[in-house]
Amino acid sequence: MDPEESFREYVAGRVAALSRTAYLLTGDRHLAEDLVQLTLIRVARRWERLVSRGDPDAYVRRTLYTQHVSMWRRRWRVVELRAEPPEVTAPDSTEGLARALVVRDALRRLAPRQRAVLVLRYFEDLTEVEAAAALGCSVSTVKSQTRDALARLRSLAPELAELIGPGMAGGRPSTVHVSAVDREGRG
């Protein structure tokens, strides 16, 4: 198959999942679209070589996460000053939406790598080994980042205690119950 056609088919089949993951990482639809676009541009340059090695998903996922961290670092340097504070939207009365907003807000306040680890582990259901491969780090780094991220979530959003769990159980971080947050990124 023609590499260009192969790439188009891959993008058509995976763009929705990549967009959901990007949205969970950025918390903003426009930034998520930018992130997916940057990722696909990087991947397109190496597509023929990636396809010849087999399934390109791991490389694409890792590129998405590294691009997210790079975007975050670039944004961090830009300070946006406003005369008036931004308007806060009125929360929806449904419990699920309110919980999803709390989760998103708490995720936004995590460091990019911690956020990436939680999204990989609990929203994409990757194992520690798969998450480490996607991020290009060791399994122990994934474990420590997960532990630290969950502890930070507990301090940032104590109202999520039933989702996150009480803490370390048997030396392992407790699990996050993803059902409270729509995996489609719509909350």
C-alpha atoms as a PDB file:
ATOM      1  CA  MET A   1       0.000   0.000   0.000  1.00  0.00           C
ATOM      2  CA  ASP A   2       1.116   3.543  -0.733  1.00  0.00           C
ATOM      3  CA  PRO A   3       2.602   5.173   2.426  1.00  0.00           C
ATOM      4  CA  GLU A   4       0.504   8.300   1.957  1.00  0.00           C
ATOM      5  CA  GLU A   5      -2.693   6.271   1.674  1.00  0.00           C
ATOM      6  CA  SER A   6      -1.625   4.154   4.656  1.00  0.00           C
ATOM      7  CA  PHE A   7      -1.115   7.309   6.721  1.00  0.00           C
ATOM      8  CA  ARG A   8      -4.529   8.677   5.717  1.00  0.00           C
ATOM      9  CA  GLU A   9      -6.213   5.433   6.762  1.00  0.00           C
ATOM     10  CA  TYR A  10      -4.371   5.427  10.071  1.00  0.00           C
ATOM     11  CA  VAL A  11      -5.355   9.028  10.803  1.00  0.00           C
ATOM     12  CA  ALA A  12      -8.989   8.377   9.855  1.00  0.00           C
ATOM     13  CA  GLY A  13      -9.107   5.413  12.222  1.00  0.00           C
ATOM     14  CA  ARG A  14      -7.234   6.955  15.158  1.00  0.00           C
ATOM     15  CA  VAL A  15      -7.918  10.702  15.115  1.00  0.00           C
ATOM     16  CA  ALA A  16     -10.916  10.429  17.466  1.00  0.00           C
ATOM     17  CA  ALA A  17      -8.949   8.497  20.102  1.00  0.00           C
ATOM     18  CA  LEU A  18      -5.951  10.813  19.749  1.00  0.00           C
ATOM     19  CA  SER A  19      -8.234  13.834  20.095  1.00  0.00           C
ATOM     20  CA  ARG A  20      -9.833  12.452  23.279  1.00  0.00           C
ATOM     21  CA  THR A  21      -6.433  11.810  24.809  1.00  0.00           C
ATOM     22  CA  ALA A  22      -5.177  15.245  23.755  1.00  0.00           C
ATOM     23  CA  TYR A  23      -8.256  16.846  25.295  1.00  0.00           C
ATOM     24  CA  LEU A  24      -7.685  15.023  28.579  1.00  0.00           C
ATOM     25  CA  LEU A  25      -4.097  16.256  28.578  1.00  0.00           C
ATOM     26  CA  THR A  26      -4.792  19.877  27.682  1.00  0.00           C
ATOM     27  CA  GLY A  27      -8.303  20.446  29.018  1.00  0.00           C
ATOM     28  CA  ASP A  28      -8.996  22.675  26.018  1.00  0.00           C
ATOM     29  CA  ARG A  29     -10.477  21.623  22.666  1.00  0.00           C
ATOM     30  CA  HIS A  30      -8.431  24.087  20.619  1.00  0.00           C
ATOM     31  CA  LEU A  31      -5.170  23.140  22.289  1.00  0.00           C
ATOM     32  CA  ALA A  32      -6.084  19.472  21.855  1.00  0.00           C
ATOM     33  CA  GLU A  33      -6.604  20.000  18.121  1.00  0.00           C
ATOM     34  CA  ASP A  34      -3.250  21.769  17.900  1.00  0.00           C
ATOM     35  CA  LEU A  35      -1.589  18.967  19.824  1.00  0.00           C
ATOM     36  CA  VAL A  36      -3.016  16.276  17.547  1.00  0.00           C
ATOM     37  CA  GLN A  37      -1.999  18.256  14.476  1.00  0.00           C
ATOM     38  CA  LEU A  38       1.576  18.725  15.734  1.00  0.00           C
ATOM     39  CA  THR A  39       1.769  15.038  16.572  1.00  0.00           C
ATOM     40  CA  LEU A  40       0.527  13.925  13.164  1.00  0.00           C
ATOM     41  CA  ILE A  41       2.948  16.271  11.388  1.00  0.00           C
ATOM     42  CA  ARG A  42       5.839  14.717  13.299  1.00  0.00           C
ATOM     43  CA  VAL A  43       4.585  11.201  12.664  1.00  0.00           C
ATOM     44  CA  ALA A  44       3.973  11.830   8.952  1.00  0.00           C
ATOM     45  CA  ARG A  45       7.659  12.603   8.451  1.00  0.00           C
ATOM     46  CA  ARG A  46       8.602   9.114   9.668  1.00  0.00           C
ATOM     47  CA  TRP A  47       5.526   7.198   8.567  1.00  0.00           C
ATOM     48  CA  GLU A  48       7.112   4.846   6.048  1.00  0.00           C
ATOM     49  CA  ARG A  49       9.767   3.755   8.542  1.00  0.00           C
ATOM     50  CA  LEU A  50       7.193   3.398  11.355  1.00  0.00           C
ATOM     51  CA  VAL A  51       4.880   1.213   9.291  1.00  0.00           C
ATOM     52  CA  SER A  52       7.759  -0.997   8.187  1.00  0.00           C
ATOM     53  CA  ARG A  53       8.491  -1.744  11.878  1.00  0.00           C
ATOM     54  CA  GLY A  54       4.914  -2.815  12.633  1.00  0.00           C
ATOM     55  CA  ASP A  55       2.220  -1.097  14.678  1.00  0.00           C
ATOM     56  CA  PRO A  56       2.988   2.643  14.948  1.00  0.00           C
ATOM     57  CA  ASP A  57       0.596   3.301  17.877  1.00  0.00           C
ATOM     58  CA  ALA A  58       3.269   3.328  20.577  1.00  0.00           C
ATOM     59  CA  TYR A  59       5.367   5.847  18.662  1.00  0.00           C
ATOM     60  CA  VAL A  60       2.344   8.039  17.911  1.00  0.00           C
ATOM     61  CA  ARG A  61       1.265   7.968  21.580  1.00  0.00           C
ATOM     62  CA  ARG A  62       4.764   8.836  22.782  1.00  0.00           C
ATOM     63  CA  THR A  63       4.976  11.683  20.263  1.00  0.00           C
ATOM     64  CA  LEU A  64       1.612  13.011  21.490  1.00  0.00           C
ATOM     65  CA  TYR A  65       2.803  13.064  25.098  1.00  0.00           C
ATOM     66  CA  THR A  66       6.186  14.603  24.359  1.00  0.00           C
ATOM     67  CA  GLN A  67       4.542  17.272  22.189  1.00  0.00           C
ATOM     68  CA  HIS A  68       2.140  17.994  25.040  1.00  0.00           C
ATOM     69  CA  VAL A  69       5.014  18.578  27.453  1.00  0.00           C
ATOM     70  CA  SER A  70       6.755  20.783  24.867  1.00  0.00           C
ATOM     71  CA  MET A  71       3.579  22.811  24.283  1.00  0.00           C
ATOM     72  CA  TRP A  72       3.125  23.220  28.026  1.00  0.00           C
ATOM     73  CA  ARG A  73       6.682  24.469  28.432  1.00  0.00           C
ATOM     74  CA  ARG A  74       6.234  26.997  25.612  1.00  0.00           C
ATOM     75  CA  ARG A  75       2.913  28.210  27.073  1.00  0.00           C
ATOM     76  CA  TRP A  76       4.465  28.523  30.523  1.00  0.00           C
ATOM     77  CA  ARG A  77       6.802  31.236  29.203  1.00  0.00           C
ATOM     78  CA  VAL A  78       3.884  33.335  27.949  1.00  0.00           C
ATOM     79  CA  VAL A  79       2.054  35.289  30.612  1.00  0.00           C
ATOM     80  CA  GLU A  80      -1.460  36.417  29.759  1.00  0.00           C
ATOM     81  CA  LEU A  81      -2.506  39.574  31.590  1.00  0.00           C
ATOM     82  CA  ARG A  82      -6.160  40.600  31.680  1.00  0.00           C
ATOM     83  CA  ALA A  83      -7.878  43.681  33.008  1.00  0.00           C
ATOM     84  CA  GLU A  84     -10.785  41.601  34.309  1.00  0.00           C
ATOM     85  CA  PRO A  85     -10.720  38.012  35.551  1.00  0.00           C
ATOM     86  CA  PRO A  86     -12.220  35.529  33.078  1.00  0.00           C
ATOM     87  CA  GLU A  87     -15.879  34.700  33.505  1.00  0.00           C
ATOM     88  CA  VAL A  88     -16.627  31.449  35.256  1.00  0.00           C
ATOM     89  CA  THR A  89     -19.313  29.362  33.600  1.00  0.00           C
ATOM     90  CA  ALA A  90     -22.214  28.249  35.736  1.00  0.00           C
ATOM     91  CA  PRO A  91     -21.822  24.598  36.759  1.00  0.00           C
ATOM     92  CA  ASP A  92     -24.371  22.137  35.448  1.00  0.00           C
ATOM     93  CA  SER A  93     -26.690  20.734  38.069  1.00  0.00           C
ATOM     94  CA  THR A  94     -25.892  17.115  37.257  1.00  0.00           C
ATOM     95  CA  GLU A  95     -23.532  15.357  39.604  1.00  0.00           C
ATOM     96  CA  GLY A  96     -21.587  13.605  36.840  1.00  0.00           C
ATOM     97  CA  LEU A  97     -20.758  16.813  35.043  1.00  0.00           C
ATOM     98  CA  ALA A  98     -19.733  18.534  38.257  1.00  0.00           C
ATOM     99  CA  ARG A  99     -17.436  15.635  39.118  1.00  0.00           C
ATOM    100  CA  ALA A 100     -15.944  15.645  35.607  1.00  0.00           C
ATOM    101  CA  LEU A 101     -15.196  19.350  35.929  1.00  0.00           C
ATOM    102  CA  VAL A 102     -13.471  18.792  39.255  1.00  0.00           C
ATOM    103  CA  VAL A 103     -11.389  15.981  37.744  1.00  0.00           C
ATOM    104  CA  ARG A 104     -10.439  18.117  34.733  1.00  0.00           C
ATOM    105  CA  ASP A 105      -9.505  21.052  36.936  1.00  0.00           C
ATOM    106  CA  ALA A 106      -7.398  18.856  39.171  1.00  0.00           C
ATOM    107  CA  LEU A 107      -5.721  17.244  36.139  1.00  0.00           C
ATOM    108  CA  ARG A 108      -4.893  20.683  34.731  1.00  0.00           C
ATOM    109  CA  ARG A 109      -3.056  21.566  37.911  1.00  0.00           C
ATOM    110  CA  LEU A 110      -0.782  18.536  37.739  1.00  0.00           C
ATOM    111  CA  ALA A 111       2.633  18.675  36.145  1.00  0.00           C
ATOM    112  CA  PRO A 112       2.513  17.571  32.495  1.00  0.00           C
ATOM    113  CA  ARG A 113       4.322  14.284  33.105  1.00  0.00           C
ATOM    114  CA  GLN A 114       2.081  13.427  36.066  1.00  0.00           C
ATOM    115  CA  ARG A 115      -0.979  14.222  33.972  1.00  0.00           C
ATOM    116  CA  ALA A 116       0.380  12.117  31.107  1.00  0.00           C
ATOM    117  CA  VAL A 117       0.986   9.155  33.419  1.00  0.00           C
ATOM    118  CA  LEU A 118      -2.552   9.297  34.834  1.00  0.00           C
ATOM    119  CA  VAL A 119      -4.130   9.623  31.392  1.00  0.00           C
ATOM    120  CA  LEU A 120      -2.105   6.693  30.083  1.00  0.00           C
ATOM    121  CA  ARG A 121      -2.716   4.477  33.102  1.00  0.00           C
ATOM    122  CA  TYR A 122      -6.335   5.235  33.971  1.00  0.00           C
ATOM    123  CA  PHE A 123      -7.974   6.673  30.859  1.00  0.00           C
ATOM    124  CA  GLU A 124      -6.171   4.634  28.210  1.00  0.00           C
ATOM    125  CA  ASP A 125      -5.858   1.563  30.480  1.00  0.00           C
ATOM    126  CA  LEU A 126      -2.178   0.992  29.705  1.00  0.00           C
ATOM    127  CA  THR A 127      -0.022  -1.117  31.981  1.00  0.00           C
ATOM    128  CA  GLU A 128       2.927   0.438  33.770  1.00  0.00           C
ATOM    129  CA  VAL A 129       5.252  -1.143  31.209  1.00  0.00           C
ATOM    130  CA  GLU A 130       3.214   0.210  28.271  1.00  0.00           C
ATOM    131  CA  ALA A 131       3.007   3.663  29.852  1.00  0.00           C
ATOM    132  CA  ALA A 132       6.772   3.662  30.414  1.00  0.00           C
ATOM    133  CA  ALA A 133       7.339   2.733  26.770  1.00  0.00           C
ATOM    134  CA  ALA A 134       4.945   5.459  25.604  1.00  0.00           C
ATOM    135  CA  LEU A 135       6.707   8.091  27.697  1.00  0.00           C
ATOM    136  CA  GLY A 136      10.226   6.809  27.119  1.00  0.00           C
ATOM    137  CA  CYS A 137      10.987   6.374  30.797  1.00  0.00           C
ATOM    138  CA  SER A 138      11.444   3.552  33.267  1.00  0.00           C
ATOM    139  CA  VAL A 139       8.635   1.609  34.917  1.00  0.00           C
ATOM    140  CA  SER A 140       9.784   2.902  38.294  1.00  0.00           C
ATOM    141  CA  THR A 141       9.370   6.461  37.010  1.00  0.00           C
ATOM    142  CA  VAL A 142       5.806   5.654  35.947  1.00  0.00           C
ATOM    143  CA  LYS A 143       5.132   4.183  39.391  1.00  0.00           C
ATOM    144  CA  SER A 144       6.556   7.153  41.267  1.00  0.00           C
ATOM    145  CA  GLN A 145       4.837   9.686  38.979  1.00  0.00           C
ATOM    146  CA  THR A 146       1.534   7.834  39.457  1.00  0.00           C
ATOM    147  CA  ARG A 147       1.968   7.788  43.234  1.00  0.00           C
ATOM    148  CA  ASP A 148       2.896  11.476  43.343  1.00  0.00           C
ATOM    149  CA  ALA A 149       0.105  12.474  40.942  1.00  0.00           C
ATOM    150  CA  LEU A 150      -2.547  10.628  42.955  1.00  0.00           C
ATOM    151  CA  ALA A 151      -1.275  12.210  46.169  1.00  0.00           C
ATOM    152  CA  ARG A 152      -1.401  15.634  44.537  1.00  0.00           C
ATOM    153  CA  LEU A 153      -4.939  14.970  43.264  1.00  0.00           C
ATOM    154  CA  ARG A 154      -5.986  14.084  46.809  1.00  0.00           C
ATOM    155  CA  SER A 155      -4.667  17.415  48.065  1.00  0.00           C
ATOM    156  CA  LEU A 156      -6.041  19.447  45.120  1.00  0.00           C
ATOM    157  CA  ALA A 157      -9.498  17.880  45.109  1.00  0.00           C
ATOM    158  CA  PRO A 158     -10.391  16.193  48.403  1.00  0.00           C
ATOM    159  CA  GLU A 159     -13.963  15.865  47.110  1.00  0.00           C
ATOM    160  CA  LEU A 160     -12.679  13.164  44.732  1.00  0.00           C
ATOM    161  CA  ALA A 161     -11.568  10.894  47.559  1.00  0.00           C
ATOM    162  CA  GLU A 162     -14.067   8.176  46.624  1.00  0.00           C
ATOM    163  CA  LEU A 163     -12.669   8.147  43.067  1.00  0.00           C
ATOM    164  CA  ILE A 164      -9.008   8.189  43.979  1.00  0.00           C
ATOM    165  CA  GLY A 165      -9.170   6.032  47.079  1.00  0.00           C
ATOM    166  CA  PRO A 166      -7.614   6.464  50.487  1.00  0.00           C
ATOM    167  CA  GLY A 167      -3.993   6.322  49.390  1.00  0.00           C
ATOM    168  CA  MET A 168      -1.392   3.636  49.368  1.00  0.00           C
ATOM    169  CA  ALA A 169      -2.878   0.189  49.784  1.00  0.00           C
ATOM    170  CA  GLY A 170      -0.420  -2.644  50.138  1.00  0.00           C
ATOM    171  CA  GLY A 171       2.416  -0.473  48.844  1.00  0.00           C
ATOM    172  CA  ARG A 172       0.566   0.372  45.633  1.00  0.00           C
ATOM    173  CA  PRO A 173      -1.399   3.483  44.761  1.00  0.00           C
ATOM    174  CA  SER A 174      -5.131   2.936  44.834  1.00  0.00           C
ATOM    175  CA  THR A 175      -6.990   2.863  41.560  1.00  0.00           C
ATOM    176  CA  VAL A 176      -8.850   5.709  39.956  1.00  0.00           C
ATOM    177  CA  HIS A 177     -12.396   4.931  38.916  1.00  0.00           C
ATOM    178  CA  VAL A 178     -12.624   6.320  35.400  1.00  0.00           C
ATOM    179  CA  SER A 179     -16.366   5.748  35.040  1.00  0.00           C
ATOM    180  CA  ALA A 180     -16.945   9.034  36.835  1.00  0.00           C
ATOM    181  CA  VAL A 181     -15.391  10.887  33.929  1.00  0.00           C
ATOM    182  CA  ASP A 182     -16.610  10.231  30.412  1.00  0.00           C
ATOM    183  CA  ARG A 183     -13.765   8.700  28.411  1.00  0.00           C
ATOM    184  CA  GLU A 184     -14.887  10.731  25.429  1.00  0.00           C
ATOM    185  CA  GLY A 185     -13.526  13.825  27.125  1.00  0.00           C
ATOM    186  CA  ARG A 186     -16.961  15.430  27.348  1.00  0.00           C
ATOM    187  CA  GLY A 187     -17.254  14.929  31.097  1.00  0.00           C
END
